Amino acid sequence: EERANSPVGCANSLSKDLKLTHEQKTEVLTIFDE
């Protein structure tokens, strides 16, 4: 559950749902880390 709710898990989930590009996913991961 922690992994799914971690910044990486949230970025992966959002990437899958919104079909993010690699660059977008990297930016989103940074936002979730912050």
ModelCIF file with pLDDT and N, C-alpha, C, O atoms, coordinates in Angstrom:
data_MODEL
#
_entry.id   MODEL 
#
_entity.id                         1 
_entity.type                       polymer 
_entity.pdbx_number_of_molecules   1 
#
_entity_poly.entity_id                      1 
_entity_poly.type                           'polypeptide(L)' 
_entity_poly.nstd_linkage                   no 
_entity_poly.nstd_monomer                   no 
_entity_poly.pdbx_seq_one_letter_code       EERANSPVGCANSLSKDLKLTHEQKTEVLTIFDE 
_entity_poly.pdbx_seq_one_letter_code_can   EERANSPVGCANSLSKDLKLTHEQKTEVLTIFDE 
_entity_poly.pdbx_strand_id                 A 
#
loop_
_entity_poly_seq.entity_id 
_entity_poly_seq.num 
_entity_poly_seq.mon_id 
_entity_poly_seq.hetero 
1 1  GLU n 
1 2  GLU n 
1 3  ARG n 
1 4  ALA n 
1 5  ASN n 
1 6  SER n 
1 7  PRO n 
1 8  VAL n 
1 9  GLY n 
1 10 CYS n 
1 11 ALA n 
1 12 ASN n 
1 13 SER n 
1 14 LEU n 
1 15 SER n 
1 16 LYS n 
1 17 ASP n 
1 18 LEU n 
1 19 LYS n 
1 20 LEU n 
1 21 THR n 
1 22 HIS n 
1 23 GLU n 
1 24 GLN n 
1 25 LYS n 
1 26 THR n 
1 27 GLU n 
1 28 VAL n 
1 29 LEU n 
1 30 THR n 
1 31 ILE n 
1 32 PHE n 
1 33 ASP n 
1 34 GLU n 
#
_struct_asym.id          A 
_struct_asym.entity_id   1 
#
loop_
_ma_qa_metric.id 
_ma_qa_metric.mode 
_ma_qa_metric.name 
_ma_qa_metric.software_group_id 
_ma_qa_metric.type 
1 global pLDDT . pLDDT 
2 local  pLDDT . pLDDT 
#
_ma_qa_metric_global.metric_id      1 
_ma_qa_metric_global.metric_value   92.65 
_ma_qa_metric_global.model_id       1 
_ma_qa_metric_global.ordinal_id     1 
#
loop_
_ma_qa_metric_local.label_asym_id 
_ma_qa_metric_local.label_comp_id 
_ma_qa_metric_local.label_seq_id 
_ma_qa_metric_local.metric_id 
_ma_qa_metric_local.metric_value 
_ma_qa_metric_local.model_id 
_ma_qa_metric_local.ordinal_id 
A GLU 1  2 80.00 1 1  
A GLU 2  2 76.00 1 2  
A ARG 3  2 82.00 1 3  
A ALA 4  2 85.00 1 4  
A ASN 5  2 84.00 1 5  
A SER 6  2 88.00 1 6  
A PRO 7  2 91.00 1 7  
A VAL 8  2 92.00 1 8  
A GLY 9  2 91.00 1 9  
A CYS 10 2 92.00 1 10 
A ALA 11 2 94.00 1 11 
A ASN 12 2 94.00 1 12 
A SER 13 2 93.00 1 13 
A LEU 14 2 94.00 1 14 
A SER 15 2 95.00 1 15 
A LYS 16 2 95.00 1 16 
A ASP 17 2 94.00 1 17 
A LEU 18 2 95.00 1 18 
A LYS 19 2 96.00 1 19 
A LEU 20 2 96.00 1 20 
A THR 21 2 96.00 1 21 
A HIS 22 2 96.00 1 22 
A GLU 23 2 96.00 1 23 
A GLN 24 2 96.00 1 24 
A LYS 25 2 96.00 1 25 
A THR 26 2 96.00 1 26 
A GLU 27 2 97.00 1 27 
A VAL 28 2 96.00 1 28 
A LEU 29 2 96.00 1 29 
A THR 30 2 97.00 1 30 
A ILE 31 2 97.00 1 31 
A PHE 32 2 95.00 1 32 
A ASP 33 2 94.00 1 33 
A GLU 34 2 95.00 1 34 
#
loop_
_atom_site.group_PDB 
_atom_site.id 
_atom_site.type_symbol 
_atom_site.label_atom_id 
_atom_site.label_alt_id 
_atom_site.label_comp_id 
_atom_site.label_asym_id 
_atom_site.label_entity_id 
_atom_site.label_seq_id 
_atom_site.pdbx_PDB_ins_code 
_atom_site.Cartn_x 
_atom_site.Cartn_y 
_atom_site.Cartn_z 
_atom_site.occupancy 
_atom_site.B_iso_or_equiv 
_atom_site.pdbx_formal_charge 
_atom_site.auth_seq_id 
_atom_site.auth_comp_id 
_atom_site.auth_asym_id 
_atom_site.auth_atom_id 
_atom_site.pdbx_PDB_model_num 
ATOM 1   N N  . GLU A 1 1  ? 0.834  -1.202 0.000   1.00 80.00 ? 1  GLU A N  1 
ATOM 2   C CA . GLU A 1 1  ? 0.000  0.000  0.000   1.00 80.00 ? 1  GLU A CA 1 
ATOM 3   C C  . GLU A 1 1  ? 0.872  1.257  0.000   1.00 80.00 ? 1  GLU A C  1 
ATOM 4   O O  . GLU A 1 1  ? 0.580  2.231  -0.694  1.00 80.00 ? 1  GLU A O  1 
ATOM 5   N N  . GLU A 1 2  ? 1.951  1.216  0.794   1.00 76.00 ? 2  GLU A N  1 
ATOM 6   C CA . GLU A 1 2  ? 2.879  2.357  0.816   1.00 76.00 ? 2  GLU A CA 1 
ATOM 7   C C  . GLU A 1 2  ? 3.489  2.597  -0.561  1.00 76.00 ? 2  GLU A C  1 
ATOM 8   O O  . GLU A 1 2  ? 3.600  3.740  -1.005  1.00 76.00 ? 2  GLU A O  1 
ATOM 9   N N  . ARG A 1 3  ? 3.888  1.510  -1.238  1.00 82.00 ? 3  ARG A N  1 
ATOM 10  C CA . ARG A 1 3  ? 4.457  1.652  -2.579  1.00 82.00 ? 3  ARG A CA 1 
ATOM 11  C C  . ARG A 1 3  ? 3.460  2.275  -3.541  1.00 82.00 ? 3  ARG A C  1 
ATOM 12  O O  . ARG A 1 3  ? 3.812  3.137  -4.346  1.00 82.00 ? 3  ARG A O  1 
ATOM 13  N N  . ALA A 1 4  ? 2.215  1.831  -3.450  1.00 85.00 ? 4  ALA A N  1 
ATOM 14  C CA . ALA A 1 4  ? 1.182  2.371  -4.344  1.00 85.00 ? 4  ALA A CA 1 
ATOM 15  C C  . ALA A 1 4  ? 0.950  3.847  -4.076  1.00 85.00 ? 4  ALA A C  1 
ATOM 16  O O  . ALA A 1 4  ? 0.649  4.604  -5.000  1.00 85.00 ? 4  ALA A O  1 
ATOM 17  N N  . ASN A 1 5  ? 1.088  4.272  -2.809  1.00 84.00 ? 5  ASN A N  1 
ATOM 18  C CA . ASN A 1 5  ? 0.860  5.667  -2.440  1.00 84.00 ? 5  ASN A CA 1 
ATOM 19  C C  . ASN A 1 5  ? 2.138  6.492  -2.391  1.00 84.00 ? 5  ASN A C  1 
ATOM 20  O O  . ASN A 1 5  ? 2.098  7.678  -2.064  1.00 84.00 ? 5  ASN A O  1 
ATOM 21  N N  . SER A 1 6  ? 3.272  5.875  -2.715  1.00 88.00 ? 6  SER A N  1 
ATOM 22  C CA . SER A 1 6  ? 4.542  6.600  -2.731  1.00 88.00 ? 6  SER A CA 1 
ATOM 23  C C  . SER A 1 6  ? 4.565  7.521  -3.951  1.00 88.00 ? 6  SER A C  1 
ATOM 24  O O  . SER A 1 6  ? 3.741  7.372  -4.853  1.00 88.00 ? 6  SER A O  1 
ATOM 25  N N  . PRO A 1 7  ? 5.496  8.465  -3.984  1.00 91.00 ? 7  PRO A N  1 
ATOM 26  C CA . PRO A 1 7  ? 5.602  9.319  -5.175  1.00 91.00 ? 7  PRO A CA 1 
ATOM 27  C C  . PRO A 1 7  ? 5.756  8.516  -6.465  1.00 91.00 ? 7  PRO A C  1 
ATOM 28  O O  . PRO A 1 7  ? 5.148  8.856  -7.480  1.00 91.00 ? 7  PRO A O  1 
ATOM 29  N N  . VAL A 1 8  ? 6.562  7.458  -6.437  1.00 92.00 ? 8  VAL A N  1 
ATOM 30  C CA . VAL A 1 8  ? 6.756  6.634  -7.638  1.00 92.00 ? 8  VAL A CA 1 
ATOM 31  C C  . VAL A 1 8  ? 5.448  5.935  -8.008  1.00 92.00 ? 8  VAL A C  1 
ATOM 32  O O  . VAL A 1 8  ? 5.069  5.907  -9.179  1.00 92.00 ? 8  VAL A O  1 
ATOM 33  N N  . GLY A 1 9  ? 4.756  5.371  -7.012  1.00 91.00 ? 9  GLY A N  1 
ATOM 34  C CA . GLY A 1 9  ? 3.494  4.688  -7.271  1.00 91.00 ? 9  GLY A CA 1 
ATOM 35  C C  . GLY A 1 9  ? 2.435  5.635  -7.825  1.00 91.00 ? 9  GLY A C  1 
ATOM 36  O O  . GLY A 1 9  ? 1.712  5.295  -8.761  1.00 91.00 ? 9  GLY A O  1 
ATOM 37  N N  . CYS A 1 10 ? 2.354  6.827  -7.235  1.00 92.00 ? 10 CYS A N  1 
ATOM 38  C CA . CYS A 1 10 ? 1.382  7.822  -7.719  1.00 92.00 ? 10 CYS A CA 1 
ATOM 39  C C  . CYS A 1 10 ? 1.722  8.277  -9.136  1.00 92.00 ? 10 CYS A C  1 
ATOM 40  O O  . CYS A 1 10 ? 0.834  8.427  -9.975  1.00 92.00 ? 10 CYS A O  1 
ATOM 41  N N  . ALA A 1 11 ? 3.014  8.496  -9.399  1.00 94.00 ? 11 ALA A N  1 
ATOM 42  C CA . ALA A 1 11 ? 3.424  8.912  -10.746 1.00 94.00 ? 11 ALA A CA 1 
ATOM 43  C C  . ALA A 1 11 ? 3.137  7.808  -11.764 1.00 94.00 ? 11 ALA A C  1 
ATOM 44  O O  . ALA A 1 11 ? 2.683  8.085  -12.874 1.00 94.00 ? 11 ALA A O  1 
ATOM 45  N N  . ASN A 1 12 ? 3.402  6.561  -11.384 1.00 94.00 ? 12 ASN A N  1 
ATOM 46  C CA . ASN A 1 12 ? 3.116  5.440  -12.297 1.00 94.00 ? 12 ASN A CA 1 
ATOM 47  C C  . ASN A 1 12 ? 1.626  5.330  -12.585 1.00 94.00 ? 12 ASN A C  1 
ATOM 48  O O  . ASN A 1 12 ? 1.218  5.135  -13.730 1.00 94.00 ? 12 ASN A O  1 
ATOM 49  N N  . SER A 1 13 ? 0.823  5.457  -11.545 1.00 93.00 ? 13 SER A N  1 
ATOM 50  C CA . SER A 1 13 ? -0.628 5.362  -11.708 1.00 93.00 ? 13 SER A CA 1 
ATOM 51  C C  . SER A 1 13 ? -1.156 6.485  -12.598 1.00 93.00 ? 13 SER A C  1 
ATOM 52  O O  . SER A 1 13 ? -1.955 6.250  -13.504 1.00 93.00 ? 13 SER A O  1 
ATOM 53  N N  . LEU A 1 14 ? -0.697 7.711  -12.326 1.00 94.00 ? 14 LEU A N  1 
ATOM 54  C CA . LEU A 1 14 ? -1.139 8.851  -13.122 1.00 94.00 ? 14 LEU A CA 1 
ATOM 55  C C  . LEU A 1 14 ? -0.652 8.723  -14.567 1.00 94.00 ? 14 LEU A C  1 
ATOM 56  O O  . LEU A 1 14 ? -1.367 9.066  -15.508 1.00 94.00 ? 14 LEU A O  1 
ATOM 57  N N  . SER A 1 15 ? 0.570  8.228  -14.724 1.00 95.00 ? 15 SER A N  1 
ATOM 58  C CA . SER A 1 15 ? 1.125  8.032  -16.059 1.00 95.00 ? 15 SER A CA 1 
ATOM 59  C C  . SER A 1 15 ? 0.273  7.044  -16.853 1.00 95.00 ? 15 SER A C  1 
ATOM 60  O O  . SER A 1 15 ? 0.002  7.250  -18.036 1.00 95.00 ? 15 SER A O  1 
ATOM 61  N N  . LYS A 1 16 ? -0.137 5.983  -16.192 1.00 95.00 ? 16 LYS A N  1 
ATOM 62  C CA . LYS A 1 16 ? -0.964 4.967  -16.845 1.00 95.00 ? 16 LYS A CA 1 
ATOM 63  C C  . LYS A 1 16 ? -2.335 5.552  -17.207 1.00 95.00 ? 16 LYS A C  1 
ATOM 64  O O  . LYS A 1 16 ? -2.818 5.360  -18.323 1.00 95.00 ? 16 LYS A O  1 
ATOM 65  N N  . ASP A 1 17 ? -2.958 6.265  -16.262 1.00 94.00 ? 17 ASP A N  1 
ATOM 66  C CA . ASP A 1 17 ? -4.290 6.815  -16.489 1.00 94.00 ? 17 ASP A CA 1 
ATOM 67  C C  . ASP A 1 17 ? -4.312 7.910  -17.557 1.00 94.00 ? 17 ASP A C  1 
ATOM 68  O O  . ASP A 1 17 ? -5.248 7.992  -18.352 1.00 94.00 ? 17 ASP A O  1 
ATOM 69  N N  . LEU A 1 18 ? -3.278 8.746  -17.568 1.00 95.00 ? 18 LEU A N  1 
ATOM 70  C CA . LEU A 1 18 ? -3.272 9.894  -18.478 1.00 95.00 ? 18 LEU A CA 1 
ATOM 71  C C  . LEU A 1 18 ? -2.357 9.710  -19.686 1.00 95.00 ? 18 LEU A C  1 
ATOM 72  O O  . LEU A 1 18 ? -2.256 10.597 -20.533 1.00 95.00 ? 18 LEU A O  1 
ATOM 73  N N  . LYS A 1 19 ? -1.692 8.560  -19.764 1.00 96.00 ? 19 LYS A N  1 
ATOM 74  C CA . LYS A 1 19 ? -0.771 8.287  -20.866 1.00 96.00 ? 19 LYS A CA 1 
ATOM 75  C C  . LYS A 1 19 ? 0.287  9.407  -20.994 1.00 96.00 ? 19 LYS A C  1 
ATOM 76  O O  . LYS A 1 19 ? 0.430  10.052 -22.033 1.00 96.00 ? 19 LYS A O  1 
ATOM 77  N N  . LEU A 1 20 ? 1.010  9.596  -19.889 1.00 96.00 ? 20 LEU A N  1 
ATOM 78  C CA . LEU A 1 20 ? 2.030  10.640 -19.850 1.00 96.00 ? 20 LEU A CA 1 
ATOM 79  C C  . LEU A 1 20 ? 3.256  10.237 -20.660 1.00 96.00 ? 20 LEU A C  1 
ATOM 80  O O  . LEU A 1 20 ? 3.575  9.055  -20.788 1.00 96.00 ? 20 LEU A O  1 
ATOM 81  N N  . THR A 1 21 ? 3.928  11.233 -21.200 1.00 96.00 ? 21 THR A N  1 
ATOM 82  C CA . THR A 1 21 ? 5.212  10.995 -21.868 1.00 96.00 ? 21 THR A CA 1 
ATOM 83  C C  . THR A 1 21 ? 6.255  10.774 -20.771 1.00 96.00 ? 21 THR A C  1 
ATOM 84  O O  . THR A 1 21 ? 5.989  11.023 -19.595 1.00 96.00 ? 21 THR A O  1 
ATOM 85  N N  . HIS A 1 22 ? 7.434  10.307 -21.160 1.00 96.00 ? 22 HIS A N  1 
ATOM 86  C CA . HIS A 1 22 ? 8.510  10.089 -20.193 1.00 96.00 ? 22 HIS A CA 1 
ATOM 87  C C  . HIS A 1 22 ? 8.864  11.400 -19.472 1.00 96.00 ? 22 HIS A C  1 
ATOM 88  O O  . HIS A 1 22 ? 9.077  11.411 -18.260 1.00 96.00 ? 22 HIS A O  1 
ATOM 89  N N  . GLU A 1 23 ? 8.922  12.489 -20.225 1.00 96.00 ? 23 GLU A N  1 
ATOM 90  C CA . GLU A 1 23 ? 9.264  13.790 -19.633 1.00 96.00 ? 23 GLU A CA 1 
ATOM 91  C C  . GLU A 1 23 ? 8.192  14.229 -18.629 1.00 96.00 ? 23 GLU A C  1 
ATOM 92  O O  . GLU A 1 23 ? 8.510  14.722 -17.547 1.00 96.00 ? 23 GLU A O  1 
ATOM 93  N N  . GLN A 1 24 ? 6.923  14.045 -18.999 1.00 96.00 ? 24 GLN A N  1 
ATOM 94  C CA . GLN A 1 24 ? 5.829  14.410 -18.094 1.00 96.00 ? 24 GLN A CA 1 
ATOM 95  C C  . GLN A 1 24 ? 5.880  13.568 -16.823 1.00 96.00 ? 24 GLN A C  1 
ATOM 96  O O  . GLN A 1 24 ? 5.703  14.084 -15.720 1.00 96.00 ? 24 GLN A O  1 
ATOM 97  N N  . LYS A 1 25 ? 6.122  12.276 -16.986 1.00 96.00 ? 25 LYS A N  1 
ATOM 98  C CA . LYS A 1 25 ? 6.178  11.388 -15.831 1.00 96.00 ? 25 LYS A CA 1 
ATOM 99  C C  . LYS A 1 25 ? 7.307  11.799 -14.886 1.00 96.00 ? 25 LYS A C  1 
ATOM 100 O O  . LYS A 1 25 ? 7.139  11.772 -13.666 1.00 96.00 ? 25 LYS A O  1 
ATOM 101 N N  . THR A 1 26 ? 8.446  12.178 -15.444 1.00 96.00 ? 26 THR A N  1 
ATOM 102 C CA . THR A 1 26 ? 9.581  12.628 -14.631 1.00 96.00 ? 26 THR A CA 1 
ATOM 103 C C  . THR A 1 26 ? 9.215  13.882 -13.848 1.00 96.00 ? 26 THR A C  1 
ATOM 104 O O  . THR A 1 26 ? 9.532  13.988 -12.663 1.00 96.00 ? 26 THR A O  1 
ATOM 105 N N  . GLU A 1 27 ? 8.548  14.834 -14.503 1.00 97.00 ? 27 GLU A N  1 
ATOM 106 C CA . GLU A 1 27 ? 8.128  16.063 -13.825 1.00 97.00 ? 27 GLU A CA 1 
ATOM 107 C C  . GLU A 1 27 ? 7.100  15.775 -12.737 1.00 97.00 ? 27 GLU A C  1 
ATOM 108 O O  . GLU A 1 27 ? 7.168  16.340 -11.645 1.00 97.00 ? 27 GLU A O  1 
ATOM 109 N N  . VAL A 1 28 ? 6.148  14.892 -13.038 1.00 96.00 ? 28 VAL A N  1 
ATOM 110 C CA . VAL A 1 28 ? 5.108  14.534 -12.072 1.00 96.00 ? 28 VAL A CA 1 
ATOM 111 C C  . VAL A 1 28 ? 5.737  13.844 -10.858 1.00 96.00 ? 28 VAL A C  1 
ATOM 112 O O  . VAL A 1 28 ? 5.331  14.092 -9.723  1.00 96.00 ? 28 VAL A O  1 
ATOM 113 N N  . LEU A 1 29 ? 6.719  12.984 -11.094 1.00 96.00 ? 29 LEU A N  1 
ATOM 114 C CA . LEU A 1 29 ? 7.411  12.309 -9.993  1.00 96.00 ? 29 LEU A CA 1 
ATOM 115 C C  . LEU A 1 29 ? 8.077  13.335 -9.076  1.00 96.00 ? 29 LEU A C  1 
ATOM 116 O O  . LEU A 1 29 ? 8.011  13.217 -7.852  1.00 96.00 ? 29 LEU A O  1 
ATOM 117 N N  . THR A 1 30 ? 8.709  14.326 -9.666  1.00 97.00 ? 30 THR A N  1 
ATOM 118 C CA . THR A 1 30 ? 9.341  15.389 -8.877  1.00 97.00 ? 30 THR A CA 1 
ATOM 119 C C  . THR A 1 30 ? 8.291  16.131 -8.050  1.00 97.00 ? 30 THR A C  1 
ATOM 120 O O  . THR A 1 30 ? 8.540  16.466 -6.892  1.00 97.00 ? 30 THR A O  1 
ATOM 121 N N  . ILE A 1 31 ? 7.136  16.385 -8.630  1.00 97.00 ? 31 ILE A N  1 
ATOM 122 C CA . ILE A 1 31 ? 6.051  17.085 -7.930  1.00 97.00 ? 31 ILE A CA 1 
ATOM 123 C C  . ILE A 1 31 ? 5.546  16.237 -6.755  1.00 97.00 ? 31 ILE A C  1 
ATOM 124 O O  . ILE A 1 31 ? 5.310  16.766 -5.669  1.00 97.00 ? 31 ILE A O  1 
ATOM 125 N N  . PHE A 1 32 ? 5.379  14.931 -6.966  1.00 95.00 ? 32 PHE A N  1 
ATOM 126 C CA . PHE A 1 32 ? 4.920  14.054 -5.882  1.00 95.00 ? 32 PHE A CA 1 
ATOM 127 C C  . PHE A 1 32 ? 5.972  13.909 -4.785  1.00 95.00 ? 32 PHE A C  1 
ATOM 128 O O  . PHE A 1 32 ? 5.626  13.813 -3.608  1.00 95.00 ? 32 PHE A O  1 
ATOM 129 N N  . ASP A 1 33 ? 7.258  13.892 -5.159  1.00 94.00 ? 33 ASP A N  1 
ATOM 130 C CA . ASP A 1 33 ? 8.333  13.858 -4.151  1.00 94.00 ? 33 ASP A CA 1 
ATOM 131 C C  . ASP A 1 33 ? 8.259  15.102 -3.265  1.00 94.00 ? 33 ASP A C  1 
ATOM 132 O O  . ASP A 1 33 ? 8.352  15.020 -2.040  1.00 94.00 ? 33 ASP A O  1 
ATOM 133 N N  . GLU A 1 34 ? 8.090  16.243 -3.910  1.00 95.00 ? 34 GLU A N  1 
ATOM 134 C CA . GLU A 1 34 ? 7.989  17.510 -3.182  1.00 95.00 ? 34 GLU A CA 1 
ATOM 135 C C  . GLU A 1 34 ? 6.763  17.508 -2.265  1.00 95.00 ? 34 GLU A C  1 
ATOM 136 O O  . GLU A 1 34 ? 6.511  18.492 -1.570  1.00 95.00 ? 34 GLU A O  1 
#
